[in-house]
Amino acid sequence: MTRMHLLVERNLMVYRHTWSLLVAEVFEPVLYLLTIGIGIGTLVGHVRGTGVAYPQYVAPALLATAAMNGAMNETTFNLFQKLKFDRVYDSILTTPMTVRDVAFGEVCWALLRGTLTTSGFLVIVTVLGLVHTPWALLALPGAAVIGFAFASAGLAVTTYLRDWQDFQLIQLVMLPMFLFATTFYPLGVYPRPVQLAVECLPLYQSIELLREPSLGHIGPGLLVAAVYLLVMGVLGLAIALPRLRRTLLA
């Protein structure tokens, strides 16, 4: 029987005193929305080929980004600190909890954190009048799928990190993906070979998973995006578990 819920409860107790960090994660995409989505949106008008106002087009992409960042931050920066320096898991593993419980517990907590961040941002987007369909509520389960995918990937990546300087490699991947995965402009601006590469990006699939229902479009593409992210999450866990076991039980 898994005891991963105990680790989630432990993290909830810790975050009772650091809840402002979650507020900061909501604040960042709000700044992007105000400056680029709404600010530059007054110059752009409607997105070419979609008939959608620019702020309404950008908002779901920032929702997906918030879910991604919330999950990734937890299983990279925070987990690395607990794994390498605070040695939190050494004491946890003296209890009946196993390495599997630790891995699943951290992924579940990261998933929850990403969903909470997305929920807060969704409330703000709704208040700003950028939500025009009840299908936008699918952003919440969509954010959970995104959180699972990136939390598992982050866990796997963290098992390869040697020191804090290695986090620059993560940013080297995350920042270009954020800029080019149709966050701020449609896929059609790229030539077809580049489009194919962009469609393979996990953030692109995450954005599609939230943008389409937010614009009232429900189709088989949502299932493709969901399956892509679920497979990514399962593969991330499959890679992370044995490596984490070797690290913690060495």
Protein backbone atom coordinates (compact mmCIF):
# COMPACT_ATOMS: atom_id res chain seq x y z
CA MET A 1 0.00 0.00 0.00
CA THR A 2 1.46 3.36 -1.01
CA ARG A 3 2.08 6.04 1.58
CA MET A 4 2.72 8.87 -0.86
CA HIS A 5 -0.13 10.89 0.68
CA LEU A 6 2.00 11.30 3.80
CA LEU A 7 4.62 13.20 1.82
CA VAL A 8 1.92 15.39 0.28
CA GLU A 9 0.63 16.15 3.79
CA ARG A 10 4.16 16.98 4.92
CA ASN A 11 4.61 19.44 2.04
CA LEU A 12 1.24 21.03 2.76
CA MET A 13 2.31 21.63 6.35
CA VAL A 14 5.54 23.25 5.15
CA TYR A 15 3.75 25.48 2.66
CA ARG A 16 1.39 26.79 5.33
CA HIS A 17 4.27 29.11 6.22
CA THR A 18 5.49 29.83 2.68
CA TRP A 19 2.20 30.25 0.80
CA SER A 20 3.50 33.55 -0.63
CA LEU A 21 5.68 31.50 -3.01
CA LEU A 22 2.55 30.15 -4.68
CA VAL A 23 1.19 33.69 -4.98
CA ALA A 24 4.42 34.74 -6.71
CA GLU A 25 4.02 31.93 -9.25
CA VAL A 26 0.58 33.29 -10.14
CA PHE A 27 1.90 36.85 -10.32
CA GLU A 28 4.51 36.06 -13.00
CA PRO A 29 2.08 34.95 -15.75
CA VAL A 30 -0.21 37.84 -14.81
CA LEU A 31 2.63 40.24 -15.64
CA TYR A 32 3.10 38.55 -19.02
CA LEU A 33 -0.62 38.78 -19.66
CA LEU A 34 -0.81 42.47 -18.77
CA THR A 35 2.31 43.55 -20.63
CA ILE A 36 2.24 41.32 -23.71
CA GLY A 37 -1.25 39.87 -23.89
CA ILE A 38 -3.13 43.07 -23.17
CA GLY A 39 -0.45 45.73 -23.72
CA ILE A 40 0.87 44.56 -27.08
CA GLY A 41 -2.55 43.06 -27.77
CA THR A 42 -3.93 46.57 -28.31
CA LEU A 43 -1.58 46.83 -31.30
CA VAL A 44 -2.11 43.31 -32.60
CA GLY A 45 -5.90 43.21 -32.44
CA HIS A 46 -7.03 39.75 -33.56
CA VAL A 47 -4.71 36.83 -34.24
CA ARG A 48 -4.42 36.21 -37.95
CA GLY A 49 -6.36 33.20 -39.16
CA THR A 50 -8.20 32.65 -35.87
CA GLY A 51 -10.47 35.66 -35.40
CA VAL A 52 -9.57 35.58 -31.69
CA ALA A 53 -8.55 38.68 -29.77
CA TYR A 54 -4.85 38.55 -28.85
CA PRO A 55 -5.29 38.61 -25.03
CA GLN A 56 -7.83 35.78 -25.28
CA TYR A 57 -5.36 33.83 -27.42
CA VAL A 58 -2.39 34.32 -25.09
CA ALA A 59 -4.16 33.69 -21.78
CA PRO A 60 -4.56 29.87 -22.15
CA ALA A 61 -0.91 29.55 -23.16
CA LEU A 62 0.12 31.35 -19.99
CA LEU A 63 -2.19 29.03 -18.05
CA ALA A 64 -0.29 26.05 -19.45
CA THR A 65 3.03 27.73 -18.71
CA ALA A 66 1.96 28.38 -15.12
CA ALA A 67 1.10 24.69 -14.67
CA MET A 68 4.43 23.68 -16.21
CA ASN A 69 6.53 26.05 -14.10
CA GLY A 70 4.70 25.23 -10.88
CA ALA A 71 5.34 21.51 -11.31
CA MET A 72 8.89 21.83 -12.64
CA ASN A 73 10.01 24.21 -9.87
CA GLU A 74 8.92 21.70 -7.25
CA THR A 75 10.65 18.64 -8.69
CA THR A 76 13.83 20.46 -9.77
CA PHE A 77 14.90 23.36 -7.53
CA ASN A 78 13.07 22.31 -4.38
CA LEU A 79 13.67 18.58 -4.72
CA PHE A 80 17.38 19.09 -5.48
CA GLN A 81 17.72 21.15 -2.29
CA LYS A 82 16.00 18.46 -0.23
CA LEU A 83 17.92 15.66 -1.93
CA LYS A 84 21.46 17.01 -1.94
CA PHE A 85 21.67 19.48 0.93
CA ASP A 86 18.82 19.19 3.44
CA ARG A 87 18.93 15.37 3.25
CA VAL A 88 15.19 15.30 3.98
CA TYR A 89 14.66 11.89 2.43
CA ASP A 90 17.29 10.19 4.58
CA SER A 91 15.07 10.57 7.62
CA ILE A 92 11.88 9.83 5.68
CA LEU A 93 13.28 6.49 4.52
CA THR A 94 13.90 5.38 8.11
CA THR A 95 10.10 5.13 8.34
CA PRO A 96 8.01 2.52 6.48
CA MET A 97 7.95 4.84 3.46
CA THR A 98 9.80 3.64 0.36
CA VAL A 99 11.61 5.38 -2.48
CA ARG A 100 8.53 4.78 -4.63
CA ASP A 101 6.41 6.57 -2.02
CA VAL A 102 8.84 9.49 -2.09
CA ALA A 103 8.83 9.73 -5.89
CA PHE A 104 5.07 9.42 -6.26
CA GLY A 105 4.48 11.77 -3.33
CA GLU A 106 6.69 14.50 -4.77
CA VAL A 107 5.10 14.15 -8.20
CA CYS A 108 1.60 14.32 -6.70
CA TRP A 109 2.55 17.38 -4.67
CA ALA A 110 4.08 19.06 -7.73
CA LEU A 111 0.95 18.21 -9.71
CA LEU A 112 -1.19 19.77 -6.97
CA ARG A 113 1.02 22.84 -6.85
CA GLY A 114 0.82 23.33 -10.61
CA THR A 115 -2.96 22.95 -10.54
CA LEU A 116 -3.28 25.47 -7.68
CA THR A 117 -1.17 27.97 -9.62
CA THR A 118 -3.30 27.47 -12.73
CA SER A 119 -6.53 27.79 -10.74
CA GLY A 120 -5.42 31.13 -9.29
CA PHE A 121 -4.45 32.42 -12.72
CA LEU A 122 -7.72 31.15 -14.24
CA VAL A 123 -9.66 33.20 -11.68
CA ILE A 124 -7.72 36.33 -12.68
CA VAL A 125 -8.23 35.64 -16.41
CA THR A 126 -11.96 35.23 -15.78
CA VAL A 127 -12.13 38.51 -13.85
CA LEU A 128 -10.41 40.25 -16.76
CA GLY A 129 -13.17 39.02 -19.07
CA LEU A 130 -11.00 36.73 -21.18
CA VAL A 131 -13.09 33.58 -20.63
CA HIS A 132 -16.18 33.28 -22.84
CA THR A 133 -17.05 29.58 -22.68
CA PRO A 134 -17.75 27.07 -19.90
CA TRP A 135 -15.38 24.67 -21.69
CA ALA A 136 -12.58 26.72 -20.13
CA LEU A 137 -13.19 24.73 -16.94
CA LEU A 138 -11.38 21.86 -18.67
CA ALA A 139 -8.24 23.85 -17.92
CA LEU A 140 -8.27 22.44 -14.39
CA PRO A 141 -8.01 18.72 -15.28
CA GLY A 142 -5.78 19.76 -18.17
CA ALA A 143 -3.47 21.51 -15.72
CA ALA A 144 -3.31 18.31 -13.66
CA VAL A 145 -2.17 16.35 -16.73
CA ILE A 146 0.42 19.02 -17.53
CA GLY A 147 1.59 19.01 -13.93
CA PHE A 148 2.02 15.23 -13.97
CA ALA A 149 4.02 15.31 -17.20
CA PHE A 150 6.43 18.05 -16.17
CA ALA A 151 6.72 16.95 -12.54
CA SER A 152 7.79 13.47 -13.64
CA ALA A 153 10.18 14.91 -16.22
CA GLY A 154 11.61 17.29 -13.63
CA LEU A 155 12.13 14.42 -11.20
CA ALA A 156 14.01 12.45 -13.84
CA VAL A 157 16.17 15.45 -14.79
CA THR A 158 17.01 16.21 -11.15
CA THR A 159 18.56 12.77 -10.69
CA TYR A 160 21.19 13.77 -13.26
CA LEU A 161 22.06 17.17 -11.73
CA ARG A 162 25.43 17.52 -10.03
CA ASP A 163 25.34 21.07 -8.64
CA TRP A 164 23.40 24.34 -8.91
CA GLN A 165 25.21 25.36 -12.09
CA ASP A 166 23.48 22.52 -13.94
CA PHE A 167 20.17 24.35 -13.58
CA GLN A 168 21.35 26.66 -16.35
CA LEU A 169 20.94 23.70 -18.71
CA ILE A 170 17.29 23.41 -17.68
CA GLN A 171 16.73 27.09 -18.43
CA LEU A 172 18.50 26.62 -21.75
CA VAL A 173 15.67 24.26 -22.69
CA MET A 174 12.73 25.87 -20.88
CA LEU A 175 13.13 29.47 -22.03
CA PRO A 176 13.30 28.82 -25.81
CA MET A 177 10.40 26.38 -25.49
CA PHE A 178 8.36 29.06 -23.71
CA LEU A 179 9.09 31.57 -26.46
CA PHE A 180 8.55 29.36 -29.50
CA ALA A 181 5.82 26.88 -28.49
CA THR A 182 3.02 29.17 -29.84
CA THR A 183 2.75 30.98 -26.52
CA PHE A 184 2.53 34.38 -28.19
CA TYR A 185 1.86 33.64 -31.87
CA PRO A 186 0.22 30.87 -33.92
CA LEU A 187 1.93 27.86 -35.40
CA GLY A 188 1.29 29.14 -38.92
CA VAL A 189 4.03 31.79 -38.70
CA TYR A 190 6.65 29.03 -39.05
CA PRO A 191 7.62 27.17 -42.23
CA ARG A 192 6.32 23.59 -42.25
CA PRO A 193 9.59 21.87 -41.16
CA VAL A 194 9.76 24.15 -38.10
CA GLN A 195 6.07 23.54 -37.40
CA LEU A 196 6.76 19.81 -37.14
CA ALA A 197 9.54 20.45 -34.61
CA VAL A 198 7.34 22.81 -32.56
CA GLU A 199 4.50 20.26 -32.51
CA CYS A 200 6.85 17.82 -30.78
CA LEU A 201 7.46 20.19 -27.86
CA PRO A 202 5.67 19.23 -24.63
CA LEU A 203 4.74 22.85 -23.93
CA TYR A 204 3.09 23.10 -27.36
CA GLN A 205 0.94 20.06 -26.52
CA SER A 206 0.20 21.57 -23.11
CA ILE A 207 -0.90 24.85 -24.68
CA GLU A 208 -3.12 23.02 -27.17
CA LEU A 209 -4.70 21.07 -24.32
CA LEU A 210 -5.80 24.30 -22.63
CA ARG A 211 -6.16 26.74 -25.52
CA GLU A 212 -8.63 24.75 -27.61
CA PRO A 213 -11.32 24.30 -24.92
CA SER A 214 -10.71 27.85 -23.68
CA LEU A 215 -11.67 29.05 -27.16
CA GLY A 216 -14.65 26.68 -27.29
CA HIS A 217 -13.01 24.15 -29.62
CA ILE A 218 -13.44 20.50 -28.62
CA GLY A 219 -11.93 17.87 -30.89
CA PRO A 220 -9.70 14.78 -31.14
CA GLY A 221 -6.60 16.99 -30.92
CA LEU A 222 -7.24 17.28 -27.18
CA LEU A 223 -6.95 13.51 -26.80
CA VAL A 224 -3.67 13.52 -28.73
CA ALA A 225 -2.25 16.21 -26.43
CA ALA A 226 -3.47 14.44 -23.29
CA VAL A 227 -1.99 11.07 -24.35
CA TYR A 228 1.30 12.75 -25.29
CA LEU A 229 1.60 14.31 -21.82
CA LEU A 230 0.51 11.18 -19.96
CA VAL A 231 3.10 9.09 -21.82
CA MET A 232 5.71 11.75 -21.04
CA GLY A 233 4.81 11.52 -17.34
CA VAL A 234 4.99 7.74 -17.26
CA LEU A 235 8.36 7.71 -19.03
CA GLY A 236 9.67 10.35 -16.64
CA LEU A 237 8.76 8.20 -13.65
CA ALA A 238 10.20 5.09 -15.30
CA ILE A 239 13.54 6.87 -15.68
CA ALA A 240 13.49 8.61 -12.31
CA LEU A 241 12.56 5.71 -10.02
CA PRO A 242 15.63 3.48 -10.44
CA ARG A 243 18.00 6.44 -10.44
CA LEU A 244 16.40 7.92 -7.32
CA ARG A 245 16.55 4.51 -5.64
CA ARG A 246 20.29 4.24 -6.34
CA THR A 247 20.89 7.75 -5.02
CA LEU A 248 18.90 7.39 -1.80
CA LEU A 249 19.90 3.83 -0.95
CA ALA A 250 23.60 4.13 -1.86
